[in-house]
Structures are given as C-alpha cells and as structure tokens.
Amino acid sequence: MGTKITLTGFGFVLVNFLTLLWYNPTLDQDCPTWVYYSWAVGLFLYQTFDAVDGTQAYEYSFHPLLSFSNSILRAPLALSPFVLPFF
C-alpha cells in the first residue's frame, strides 16, 4: 500500500515537470506566476504522500527509484526561476 501512496505523490512531480516542459522547455524565459505556485503545491504533496507511507514503502525496491526520480525531475524545476538556459 505504501508504494501506491508514494507513486500517487510522484504523479504530482510528473505533472509539475510536464508543466515546465509546456511553458518553458529551454529554461530561458519566465513561466506564468501560477506555474511556480503549482510547483510548490506539487512538492508539498509529494513530500506529504511520501511521509504518510512511512517505512512500509521501503520494503519494496521500487521506492528508492521514485525518490531518485523525484530528485532528477526537481532539479530543472528548482533552476527554472533563475532563467539559466541549459542549451
């Protein structure tokens, strides 16, 4: 059950990342203000869902992969407000 909760929380991270790709795929311009707020809400929901599952999710080898994927997808989201192009 724990992995399902974390997977649901990871869905918020994916939605945030897709929002970034839609509004600013090259990270060279600003996004609309509401997009930044949605990222904050998405991060809060992911962390909340990840904490709610407790140690149950660590029984499965799938949970560390979700945590790693979250870190990778959050990096461009964190750098995007600084308008630092990667390309």
C-alpha atoms as a PDB file:
ATOM      1  CA  MET A   1       0.000   0.000   0.000  1.00  0.00           C
ATOM      2  CA  GLY A   2       2.831   2.389   0.833  1.00  0.00           C
ATOM      3  CA  THR A   3       4.304   2.358  -2.639  1.00  0.00           C
ATOM      4  CA  LYS A   4       0.922   3.280  -4.123  1.00  0.00           C
ATOM      5  CA  ILE A   5       0.768   6.343  -1.903  1.00  0.00           C
ATOM      6  CA  THR A   6       4.267   7.417  -2.899  1.00  0.00           C
ATOM      7  CA  LEU A   7       3.513   6.704  -6.555  1.00  0.00           C
ATOM      8  CA  THR A   8       0.463   8.947  -6.329  1.00  0.00           C
ATOM      9  CA  GLY A   9       2.634  11.675  -4.829  1.00  0.00           C
ATOM     10  CA  PHE A  10       5.162  11.182  -7.618  1.00  0.00           C
ATOM     11  CA  GLY A  11       2.338  11.870 -10.068  1.00  0.00           C
ATOM     12  CA  PHE A  12       2.312  15.455  -8.804  1.00  0.00           C
ATOM     13  CA  VAL A  13       6.020  15.734  -9.605  1.00  0.00           C
ATOM     14  CA  LEU A  14       5.408  14.455 -13.130  1.00  0.00           C
ATOM     15  CA  VAL A  15       2.609  16.978 -13.644  1.00  0.00           C
ATOM     16  CA  ASN A  16       4.946  19.746 -12.466  1.00  0.00           C
ATOM     17  CA  PHE A  17       7.688  18.611 -14.829  1.00  0.00           C
ATOM     18  CA  LEU A  18       5.281  18.424 -17.774  1.00  0.00           C
ATOM     19  CA  THR A  19       4.089  21.924 -16.915  1.00  0.00           C
ATOM     20  CA  LEU A  20       7.697  23.106 -17.090  1.00  0.00           C
ATOM     21  CA  LEU A  21       8.164  21.451 -20.476  1.00  0.00           C
ATOM     22  CA  TRP A  22       4.968  23.036 -21.764  1.00  0.00           C
ATOM     23  CA  TYR A  23       5.661  26.614 -20.683  1.00  0.00           C
ATOM     24  CA  ASN A  24       9.449  26.764 -20.748  1.00  0.00           C
ATOM     25  CA  PRO A  25      11.148  23.784 -22.442  1.00  0.00           C
ATOM     26  CA  THR A  26      14.542  25.505 -22.801  1.00  0.00           C
ATOM     27  CA  LEU A  27      14.530  27.243 -19.391  1.00  0.00           C
ATOM     28  CA  ASP A  28      15.320  30.591 -20.989  1.00  0.00           C
ATOM     29  CA  GLN A  29      12.201  32.576 -20.043  1.00  0.00           C
ATOM     30  CA  ASP A  30       9.822  33.046 -17.158  1.00  0.00           C
ATOM     31  CA  CYS A  31       6.740  30.914 -16.631  1.00  0.00           C
ATOM     32  CA  PRO A  32       3.380  32.328 -15.559  1.00  0.00           C
ATOM     33  CA  THR A  33       3.222  33.001 -11.834  1.00  0.00           C
ATOM     34  CA  TRP A  34       0.627  30.313 -11.163  1.00  0.00           C
ATOM     35  CA  VAL A  35       3.041  27.675 -12.503  1.00  0.00           C
ATOM     36  CA  TYR A  36       5.538  28.421  -9.726  1.00  0.00           C
ATOM     37  CA  TYR A  37       2.790  28.124  -7.128  1.00  0.00           C
ATOM     38  CA  SER A  38       1.707  24.801  -8.618  1.00  0.00           C
ATOM     39  CA  TRP A  39       5.281  23.533  -8.269  1.00  0.00           C
ATOM     40  CA  ALA A  40       5.291  24.471  -4.601  1.00  0.00           C
ATOM     41  CA  VAL A  41       1.998  22.648  -4.073  1.00  0.00           C
ATOM     42  CA  GLY A  42       3.277  19.636  -6.036  1.00  0.00           C
ATOM     43  CA  LEU A  43       6.440  19.409  -3.945  1.00  0.00           C
ATOM     44  CA  PHE A  44       4.446  19.730  -0.736  1.00  0.00           C
ATOM     45  CA  LEU A  45       2.033  16.985  -1.831  1.00  0.00           C
ATOM     46  CA  TYR A  46       4.858  14.655  -2.882  1.00  0.00           C
ATOM     47  CA  GLN A  47       6.646  15.091   0.434  1.00  0.00           C
ATOM     48  CA  THR A  48       3.408  14.634   2.345  1.00  0.00           C
ATOM     49  CA  PHE A  49       2.432  11.466   0.478  1.00  0.00           C
ATOM     50  CA  ASP A  50       5.985  10.130   0.814  1.00  0.00           C
ATOM     51  CA  ALA A  51       5.955  10.747   4.574  1.00  0.00           C
ATOM     52  CA  VAL A  52       2.485   9.248   5.041  1.00  0.00           C
ATOM     53  CA  ASP A  53       3.533   5.881   3.672  1.00  0.00           C
ATOM     54  CA  GLY A  54       6.195   5.648   6.386  1.00  0.00           C
ATOM     55  CA  THR A  55       8.617   2.779   6.280  1.00  0.00           C
ATOM     56  CA  GLN A  56       6.153   0.473   4.539  1.00  0.00           C
ATOM     57  CA  ALA A  57       7.296   1.570   1.107  1.00  0.00           C
ATOM     58  CA  TYR A  58      10.935   0.760   1.875  1.00  0.00           C
ATOM     59  CA  GLU A  59      10.006  -2.913   1.938  1.00  0.00           C
ATOM     60  CA  TYR A  60       9.894  -2.732  -1.847  1.00  0.00           C
ATOM     61  CA  SER A  61      12.809  -1.956  -4.105  1.00  0.00           C
ATOM     62  CA  PHE A  62      10.616   0.437  -6.121  1.00  0.00           C
ATOM     63  CA  HIS A  63      10.592   3.254  -3.536  1.00  0.00           C
ATOM     64  CA  PRO A  64      14.258   4.349  -3.857  1.00  0.00           C
ATOM     65  CA  LEU A  65      13.738   4.624  -7.607  1.00  0.00           C
ATOM     66  CA  LEU A  66      10.848   7.042  -7.011  1.00  0.00           C
ATOM     67  CA  SER A  67      12.944   9.130  -4.636  1.00  0.00           C
ATOM     68  CA  PHE A  68      15.813   9.258  -7.118  1.00  0.00           C
ATOM     69  CA  SER A  69      13.483  10.150  -9.990  1.00  0.00           C
ATOM     70  CA  ASN A  70      11.953  12.906  -7.890  1.00  0.00           C
ATOM     71  CA  SER A  71      15.399  14.399  -7.301  1.00  0.00           C
ATOM     72  CA  ILE A  72      16.252  14.298 -11.000  1.00  0.00           C
ATOM     73  CA  LEU A  73      12.957  15.867 -12.103  1.00  0.00           C
ATOM     74  CA  ARG A  74      13.055  18.543  -9.392  1.00  0.00           C
ATOM     75  CA  ALA A  75      16.448  19.933 -10.462  1.00  0.00           C
ATOM     76  CA  PRO A  76      15.178  21.755 -13.585  1.00  0.00           C
ATOM     77  CA  LEU A  77      12.148  22.945 -11.622  1.00  0.00           C
ATOM     78  CA  ALA A  78      14.418  24.452  -8.991  1.00  0.00           C
ATOM     79  CA  LEU A  79      16.650  26.174 -11.549  1.00  0.00           C
ATOM     80  CA  SER A  80      13.905  27.425 -13.837  1.00  0.00           C
ATOM     81  CA  PRO A  81      13.079  30.646 -11.912  1.00  0.00           C
ATOM     82  CA  PHE A  82      16.698  31.777 -12.348  1.00  0.00           C
ATOM     83  CA  VAL A  83      16.381  31.713 -16.177  1.00  0.00           C
ATOM     84  CA  LEU A  84      19.624  29.829 -16.726  1.00  0.00           C
ATOM     85  CA  PRO A  85      19.492  28.178 -20.158  1.00  0.00           C
ATOM     86  CA  PHE A  86      20.942  24.698 -20.393  1.00  0.00           C
ATOM     87  CA  PHE A  87      21.152  24.708 -24.182  1.00  0.00           C
END
